[in-house]
Each structure stands twice: as C-alpha cells, then as structure tokens.
Amino acid sequence: MQRRIRSRRYAAKNKGKNRQAYLVQIEGTSDCNNTMLNMRDALEITEEDIKIKAMEISHFLVVEMKKG
C-alpha cells in the first residue's frame, strides 16, 4: 500500500495580535519552512505563516497561544 505525502499550511488565526505557536514533531520527519524536523524536535513560531511538508508518515502538534 502506497501512502501519499501531503503538505499543509498553517496560518495563525490572530497573526500579529500578540500571538505565538509551538510545533512539536511527535513522529516522523517534516520540512517546516525549509527547517527539517525529526521526532521530538520543536519549533517556536512567531509572526509568520508556516508550510509543513511530511517527508514520511508524520504526526505533529501545533499549540497556538498568547505571547507571555
């Protein structure tokens, strides 16, 4: 069985309104804005949209929150 590799775009809902997000690569490998993320890697996102492309079967978590 062949699996498709997909890419997703994530745009902050309240961009520029004192918001930030964290992305955690739970499983697999992904390319996030030309930064390779492997299992258990994390990325802080501030004031930019991101494009995530899974390089293999992947799971990740994005948490958006108010800047502290």
PDB file of N, CA and C in Angstrom:
ATOM      1  N   MET A   1       0.838  -1.172   0.000  1.00  0.00           N
ATOM      2  CA  MET A   1       0.000   0.000   0.000  1.00  0.00           C
ATOM      3  C   MET A   1       0.888   1.241   0.000  1.00  0.00           C
ATOM      4  N   GLN A   2       0.669   2.097  -0.979  1.00  0.00           N
ATOM      5  CA  GLN A   2       1.440   3.325  -1.078  1.00  0.00           C
ATOM      6  C   GLN A   2       0.720   4.445  -0.335  1.00  0.00           C
ATOM      7  N   ARG A   3       1.470   5.209   0.433  1.00  0.00           N
ATOM      8  CA  ARG A   3       0.881   6.333   1.178  1.00  0.00           C
ATOM      9  C   ARG A   3       1.292   7.643   0.526  1.00  0.00           C
ATOM     10  N   ARG A   4       0.372   8.586   0.517  1.00  0.00           N
ATOM     11  CA  ARG A   4       0.651   9.891  -0.071  1.00  0.00           C
ATOM     12  C   ARG A   4       1.334  10.789   0.950  1.00  0.00           C
ATOM     13  N   ILE A   5       2.251  11.592   0.466  1.00  0.00           N
ATOM     14  CA  ILE A   5       2.876  12.611   1.316  1.00  0.00           C
ATOM     15  C   ILE A   5       2.111  13.903   1.060  1.00  0.00           C
ATOM     16  N   ARG A   6       1.699  14.542   2.110  1.00  0.00           N
ATOM     17  CA  ARG A   6       0.903  15.759   1.997  1.00  0.00           C
ATOM     18  C   ARG A   6       1.625  16.935   2.619  1.00  0.00           C
ATOM     19  N   SER A   7       1.256  18.099   2.185  1.00  0.00           N
ATOM     20  CA  SER A   7       1.768  19.299   2.844  1.00  0.00           C
ATOM     21  C   SER A   7       0.575  20.099   3.339  1.00  0.00           C
ATOM     22  N   ARG A   8       0.800  20.845   4.386  1.00  0.00           N
ATOM     23  CA  ARG A   8      -0.244  21.666   4.998  1.00  0.00           C
ATOM     24  C   ARG A   8       0.315  23.057   5.253  1.00  0.00           C
ATOM     25  N   ARG A   9      -0.560  24.024   5.164  1.00  0.00           N
ATOM     26  CA  ARG A   9      -0.209  25.393   5.517  1.00  0.00           C
ATOM     27  C   ARG A   9      -0.901  25.735   6.819  1.00  0.00           C
ATOM     28  N   TYR A  10      -0.192  26.405   7.698  1.00  0.00           N
ATOM     29  CA  TYR A  10      -0.770  26.829   8.976  1.00  0.00           C
ATOM     30  C   TYR A  10      -0.625  28.334   9.063  1.00  0.00           C
ATOM     31  N   ALA A  11      -1.739  29.019   9.188  1.00  0.00           N
ATOM     32  CA  ALA A  11      -1.735  30.472   9.352  1.00  0.00           C
ATOM     33  C   ALA A  11      -2.356  30.786  10.707  1.00  0.00           C
ATOM     34  N   ALA A  12      -1.630  31.548  11.486  1.00  0.00           N
ATOM     35  CA  ALA A  12      -2.132  31.922  12.810  1.00  0.00           C
ATOM     36  C   ALA A  12      -3.454  32.660  12.669  1.00  0.00           C
ATOM     37  N   LYS A  13      -4.403  32.328  13.513  1.00  0.00           N
ATOM     38  CA  LYS A  13      -5.728  32.942  13.440  1.00  0.00           C
ATOM     39  C   LYS A  13      -5.708  34.416  13.835  1.00  0.00           C
ATOM     40  N   ASN A  14      -4.864  34.774  14.756  1.00  0.00           N
ATOM     41  CA  ASN A  14      -4.787  36.159  15.232  1.00  0.00           C
ATOM     42  C   ASN A  14      -3.386  36.701  15.003  1.00  0.00           C
ATOM     43  N   LYS A  15      -2.858  36.486  13.819  1.00  0.00           N
ATOM     44  CA  LYS A  15      -1.497  36.883  13.489  1.00  0.00           C
ATOM     45  C   LYS A  15      -1.256  38.364  13.797  1.00  0.00           C
ATOM     46  N   GLY A  16      -0.136  38.626  14.450  1.00  0.00           N
ATOM     47  CA  GLY A  16       0.227  39.997  14.756  1.00  0.00           C
ATOM     48  C   GLY A  16      -0.496  40.567  15.963  1.00  0.00           C
ATOM     49  N   LYS A  17      -1.297  39.770  16.626  1.00  0.00           N
ATOM     50  CA  LYS A  17      -2.039  40.256  17.782  1.00  0.00           C
ATOM     51  C   LYS A  17      -1.505  39.615  19.052  1.00  0.00           C
ATOM     52  N   ASN A  18      -0.182  39.723  19.247  1.00  0.00           N
ATOM     53  CA  ASN A  18       0.461  39.210  20.453  1.00  0.00           C
ATOM     54  C   ASN A  18       0.262  37.698  20.610  1.00  0.00           C
ATOM     55  N   ARG A  19       0.413  36.952  19.479  1.00  0.00           N
ATOM     56  CA  ARG A  19       0.228  35.506  19.481  1.00  0.00           C
ATOM     57  C   ARG A  19       1.530  34.807  19.096  1.00  0.00           C
ATOM     58  N   GLN A  20       1.670  33.581  19.519  1.00  0.00           N
ATOM     59  CA  GLN A  20       2.794  32.730  19.130  1.00  0.00           C
ATOM     60  C   GLN A  20       2.300  31.293  19.092  1.00  0.00           C
ATOM     61  N   ALA A  21       3.109  30.413  18.509  1.00  0.00           N
ATOM     62  CA  ALA A  21       2.732  29.000  18.450  1.00  0.00           C
ATOM     63  C   ALA A  21       3.989  28.147  18.615  1.00  0.00           C
ATOM     64  N   TYR A  22       3.778  26.923  19.022  1.00  0.00           N
ATOM     65  CA  TYR A  22       4.847  25.926  19.109  1.00  0.00           C
ATOM     66  C   TYR A  22       4.425  24.716  18.296  1.00  0.00           C
ATOM     67  N   LEU A  23       5.356  24.170  17.526  1.00  0.00           N
ATOM     68  CA  LEU A  23       5.110  22.961  16.763  1.00  0.00           C
ATOM     69  C   LEU A  23       6.036  21.883  17.306  1.00  0.00           C
ATOM     70  N   VAL A  24       5.492  20.724  17.630  1.00  0.00           N
ATOM     71  CA  VAL A  24       6.281  19.598  18.115  1.00  0.00           C
ATOM     72  C   VAL A  24       6.097  18.447  17.136  1.00  0.00           C
ATOM     73  N   GLN A  25       7.197  17.926  16.616  1.00  0.00           N
ATOM     74  CA  GLN A  25       7.170  16.776  15.720  1.00  0.00           C
ATOM     75  C   GLN A  25       7.108  15.525  16.592  1.00  0.00           C
ATOM     76  N   ILE A  26       5.961  14.890  16.648  1.00  0.00           N
ATOM     77  CA  ILE A  26       5.770  13.742  17.529  1.00  0.00           C
ATOM     78  C   ILE A  26       6.369  12.480  16.919  1.00  0.00           C
ATOM     79  N   GLU A  27       6.107  12.248  15.632  1.00  0.00           N
ATOM     80  CA  GLU A  27       6.652  11.086  14.921  1.00  0.00           C
ATOM     81  C   GLU A  27       7.027  11.505  13.514  1.00  0.00           C
ATOM     82  N   GLY A  28       7.953  10.800  12.909  1.00  0.00           N
ATOM     83  CA  GLY A  28       8.310  11.030  11.517  1.00  0.00           C
ATOM     84  C   GLY A  28       9.241  12.207  11.314  1.00  0.00           C
ATOM     85  N   THR A  29       9.301  12.667  10.063  1.00  0.00           N
ATOM     86  CA  THR A  29      10.160  13.779   9.668  1.00  0.00           C
ATOM     87  C   THR A  29       9.354  14.721   8.784  1.00  0.00           C
ATOM     88  N   SER A  30       9.496  16.015   9.035  1.00  0.00           N
ATOM     89  CA  SER A  30       8.785  17.017   8.242  1.00  0.00           C
ATOM     90  C   SER A  30       9.718  18.169   7.909  1.00  0.00           C
ATOM     91  N   ASP A  31       9.388  18.861   6.827  1.00  0.00           N
ATOM     92  CA  ASP A  31      10.070  20.086   6.434  1.00  0.00           C
ATOM     93  C   ASP A  31       9.122  21.228   6.776  1.00  0.00           C
ATOM     94  N   CYS A  32       9.558  22.102   7.644  1.00  0.00           N
ATOM     95  CA  CYS A  32       8.738  23.235   8.065  1.00  0.00           C
ATOM     96  C   CYS A  32       9.476  24.523   7.694  1.00  0.00           C
ATOM     97  N   ASN A  33       9.007  25.195   6.646  1.00  0.00           N
ATOM     98  CA  ASN A  33       9.675  26.416   6.157  1.00  0.00           C
ATOM     99  C   ASN A  33      11.178  26.200   5.964  1.00  0.00           C
ATOM    100  N   ASN A  34      11.535  25.112   5.303  1.00  0.00           N
ATOM    101  CA  ASN A  34      12.928  24.752   4.998  1.00  0.00           C
ATOM    102  C   ASN A  34      13.757  24.395   6.226  1.00  0.00           C
ATOM    103  N   THR A  35      13.114  24.031   7.319  1.00  0.00           N
ATOM    104  CA  THR A  35      13.785  23.521   8.511  1.00  0.00           C
ATOM    105  C   THR A  35      13.323  22.085   8.714  1.00  0.00           C
ATOM    106  N   MET A  36      14.262  21.140   8.717  1.00  0.00           N
ATOM    107  CA  MET A  36      13.913  19.734   8.890  1.00  0.00           C
ATOM    108  C   MET A  36      13.666  19.440  10.368  1.00  0.00           C
ATOM    109  N   LEU A  37      12.539  18.810  10.640  1.00  0.00           N
ATOM    110  CA  LEU A  37      12.181  18.421  11.999  1.00  0.00           C
ATOM    111  C   LEU A  37      12.099  16.904  12.071  1.00  0.00           C
ATOM    112  N   ASN A  38      12.767  16.327  13.049  1.00  0.00           N
ATOM    113  CA  ASN A  38      12.722  14.891  13.299  1.00  0.00           C
ATOM    114  C   ASN A  38      11.909  14.637  14.564  1.00  0.00           C
ATOM    115  N   MET A  39      11.673  13.380  14.846  1.00  0.00           N
ATOM    116  CA  MET A  39      10.894  13.014  16.023  1.00  0.00           C
ATOM    117  C   MET A  39      11.429  13.735  17.264  1.00  0.00           C
ATOM    118  N   ARG A  40      10.503  14.340  18.024  1.00  0.00           N
ATOM    119  CA  ARG A  40      10.746  15.078  19.270  1.00  0.00           C
ATOM    120  C   ARG A  40      11.389  16.452  19.090  1.00  0.00           C
ATOM    121  N   ASP A  41      11.560  16.916  17.859  1.00  0.00           N
ATOM    122  CA  ASP A  41      12.039  18.285  17.632  1.00  0.00           C
ATOM    123  C   ASP A  41      10.881  19.254  17.843  1.00  0.00           C
ATOM    124  N   ALA A  42      11.206  20.495  18.168  1.00  0.00           N
ATOM    125  CA  ALA A  42      10.181  21.513  18.380  1.00  0.00           C
ATOM    126  C   ALA A  42      10.618  22.810  17.711  1.00  0.00           C
ATOM    127  N   LEU A  43       9.625  23.649  17.434  1.00  0.00           N
ATOM    128  CA  LEU A  43       9.881  24.899  16.740  1.00  0.00           C
ATOM    129  C   LEU A  43       8.958  25.969  17.307  1.00  0.00           C
ATOM    130  N   GLU A  44       9.510  27.137  17.618  1.00  0.00           N
ATOM    131  CA  GLU A  44       8.690  28.258  18.064  1.00  0.00           C
ATOM    132  C   GLU A  44       8.329  29.090  16.835  1.00  0.00           C
ATOM    133  N   ILE A  45       7.085  29.478  16.731  1.00  0.00           N
ATOM    134  CA  ILE A  45       6.601  30.229  15.575  1.00  0.00           C
ATOM    135  C   ILE A  45       6.093  31.574  16.059  1.00  0.00           C
ATOM    136  N   THR A  46       6.682  32.640  15.536  1.00  0.00           N
ATOM    137  CA  THR A  46       6.224  33.984  15.890  1.00  0.00           C
ATOM    138  C   THR A  46       6.119  34.811  14.614  1.00  0.00           C
ATOM    139  N   GLU A  47       4.983  35.428  14.420  1.00  0.00           N
ATOM    140  CA  GLU A  47       4.746  36.386  13.344  1.00  0.00           C
ATOM    141  C   GLU A  47       5.059  35.879  11.942  1.00  0.00           C
ATOM    142  N   GLU A  48       4.776  34.603  11.664  1.00  0.00           N
ATOM    143  CA  GLU A  48       4.920  34.094  10.309  1.00  0.00           C
ATOM    144  C   GLU A  48       3.992  32.908  10.099  1.00  0.00           C
ATOM    145  N   ASP A  49       3.582  32.724   8.867  1.00  0.00           N
ATOM    146  CA  ASP A  49       2.824  31.540   8.499  1.00  0.00           C
ATOM    147  C   ASP A  49       3.833  30.434   8.214  1.00  0.00           C
ATOM    148  N   ILE A  50       3.427  29.212   8.368  1.00  0.00           N
ATOM    149  CA  ILE A  50       4.346  28.102   8.104  1.00  0.00           C
ATOM    150  C   ILE A  50       3.727  27.139   7.106  1.00  0.00           C
ATOM    151  N   LYS A  51       4.591  26.460   6.364  1.00  0.00           N
ATOM    152  CA  LYS A  51       4.175  25.392   5.474  1.00  0.00           C
ATOM    153  C   LYS A  51       4.880  24.134   5.952  1.00  0.00           C
ATOM    154  N   ILE A  52       4.110  23.095   6.214  1.00  0.00           N
ATOM    155  CA  ILE A  52       4.650  21.841   6.732  1.00  0.00           C
ATOM    156  C   ILE A  52       4.500  20.779   5.660  1.00  0.00           C
ATOM    157  N   LYS A  53       5.603  20.119   5.305  1.00  0.00           N
ATOM    158  CA  LYS A  53       5.548  19.010   4.353  1.00  0.00           C
ATOM    159  C   LYS A  53       6.107  17.768   5.029  1.00  0.00           C
ATOM    160  N   ALA A  54       5.278  16.756   5.156  1.00  0.00           N
ATOM    161  CA  ALA A  54       5.722  15.496   5.753  1.00  0.00           C
ATOM    162  C   ALA A  54       6.647  14.784   4.777  1.00  0.00           C
ATOM    163  N   MET A  55       7.810  14.369   5.235  1.00  0.00           N
ATOM    164  CA  MET A  55       8.751  13.638   4.402  1.00  0.00           C
ATOM    165  C   MET A  55       8.496  12.131   4.477  1.00  0.00           C
ATOM    166  N   GLU A  56       7.743  11.731   5.488  1.00  0.00           N
ATOM    167  CA  GLU A  56       7.309  10.346   5.691  1.00  0.00           C
ATOM    168  C   GLU A  56       6.047  10.424   6.548  1.00  0.00           C
ATOM    169  N   ILE A  57       5.482   9.298   6.905  1.00  0.00           N
ATOM    170  CA  ILE A  57       4.306   9.311   7.768  1.00  0.00           C
ATOM    171  C   ILE A  57       4.675  10.061   9.045  1.00  0.00           C
ATOM    172  N   SER A  58       3.939  11.118   9.347  1.00  0.00           N
ATOM    173  CA  SER A  58       4.309  12.008  10.452  1.00  0.00           C
ATOM    174  C   SER A  58       3.094  12.419  11.263  1.00  0.00           C
ATOM    175  N   HIS A  59       3.369  12.741  12.516  1.00  0.00           N
ATOM    176  CA  HIS A  59       2.378  13.337  13.398  1.00  0.00           C
ATOM    177  C   HIS A  59       3.048  14.513  14.090  1.00  0.00           C
ATOM    178  N   PHE A  60       2.343  15.624  14.158  1.00  0.00           N
ATOM    179  CA  PHE A  60       2.883  16.782  14.857  1.00  0.00           C
ATOM    180  C   PHE A  60       1.756  17.506  15.552  1.00  0.00           C
ATOM    181  N   LEU A  61       2.123  18.356  16.481  1.00  0.00           N
ATOM    182  CA  LEU A  61       1.169  19.085  17.293  1.00  0.00           C
ATOM    183  C   LEU A  61       1.512  20.571  17.202  1.00  0.00           C
ATOM    184  N   VAL A  62       0.494  21.400  16.923  1.00  0.00           N
ATOM    185  CA  VAL A  62       0.679  22.848  16.902  1.00  0.00           C
ATOM    186  C   VAL A  62      -0.169  23.435  18.024  1.00  0.00           C
ATOM    187  N   VAL A  63       0.481  24.204  18.893  1.00  0.00           N
ATOM    188  CA  VAL A  63      -0.216  24.848  20.012  1.00  0.00           C
ATOM    189  C   VAL A  63      -0.059  26.357  19.821  1.00  0.00           C
ATOM    190  N   GLU A  64      -1.181  27.043  19.640  1.00  0.00           N
ATOM    191  CA  GLU A  64      -1.173  28.499  19.487  1.00  0.00           C
ATOM    192  C   GLU A  64      -1.605  29.132  20.805  1.00  0.00           C
ATOM    193  N   MET A  65      -0.920  30.213  21.192  1.00  0.00           N
ATOM    194  CA  MET A  65      -1.219  30.835  22.476  1.00  0.00           C
ATOM    195  C   MET A  65      -0.831  32.310  22.464  1.00  0.00           C
ATOM    196  N   LYS A  66      -1.229  33.005  23.485  1.00  0.00           N
ATOM    197  CA  LYS A  66      -0.865  34.401  23.681  1.00  0.00           C
ATOM    198  C   LYS A  66       0.615  34.476  24.070  1.00  0.00           C
ATOM    199  N   LYS A  67       1.313  35.489  23.566  1.00  0.00           N
ATOM    200  CA  LYS A  67       2.703  35.675  23.970  1.00  0.00           C
ATOM    201  C   LYS A  67       2.751  36.030  25.432  1.00  0.00           C
ATOM    202  N   GLY A  68       3.738  35.474  26.114  1.00  0.00           N
ATOM    203  CA  GLY A  68       3.812  35.685  27.556  1.00  0.00           C
ATOM    204  C   GLY A  68       4.837  36.582  27.958  1.00  0.00           C
TER     205      GLY A  68
END
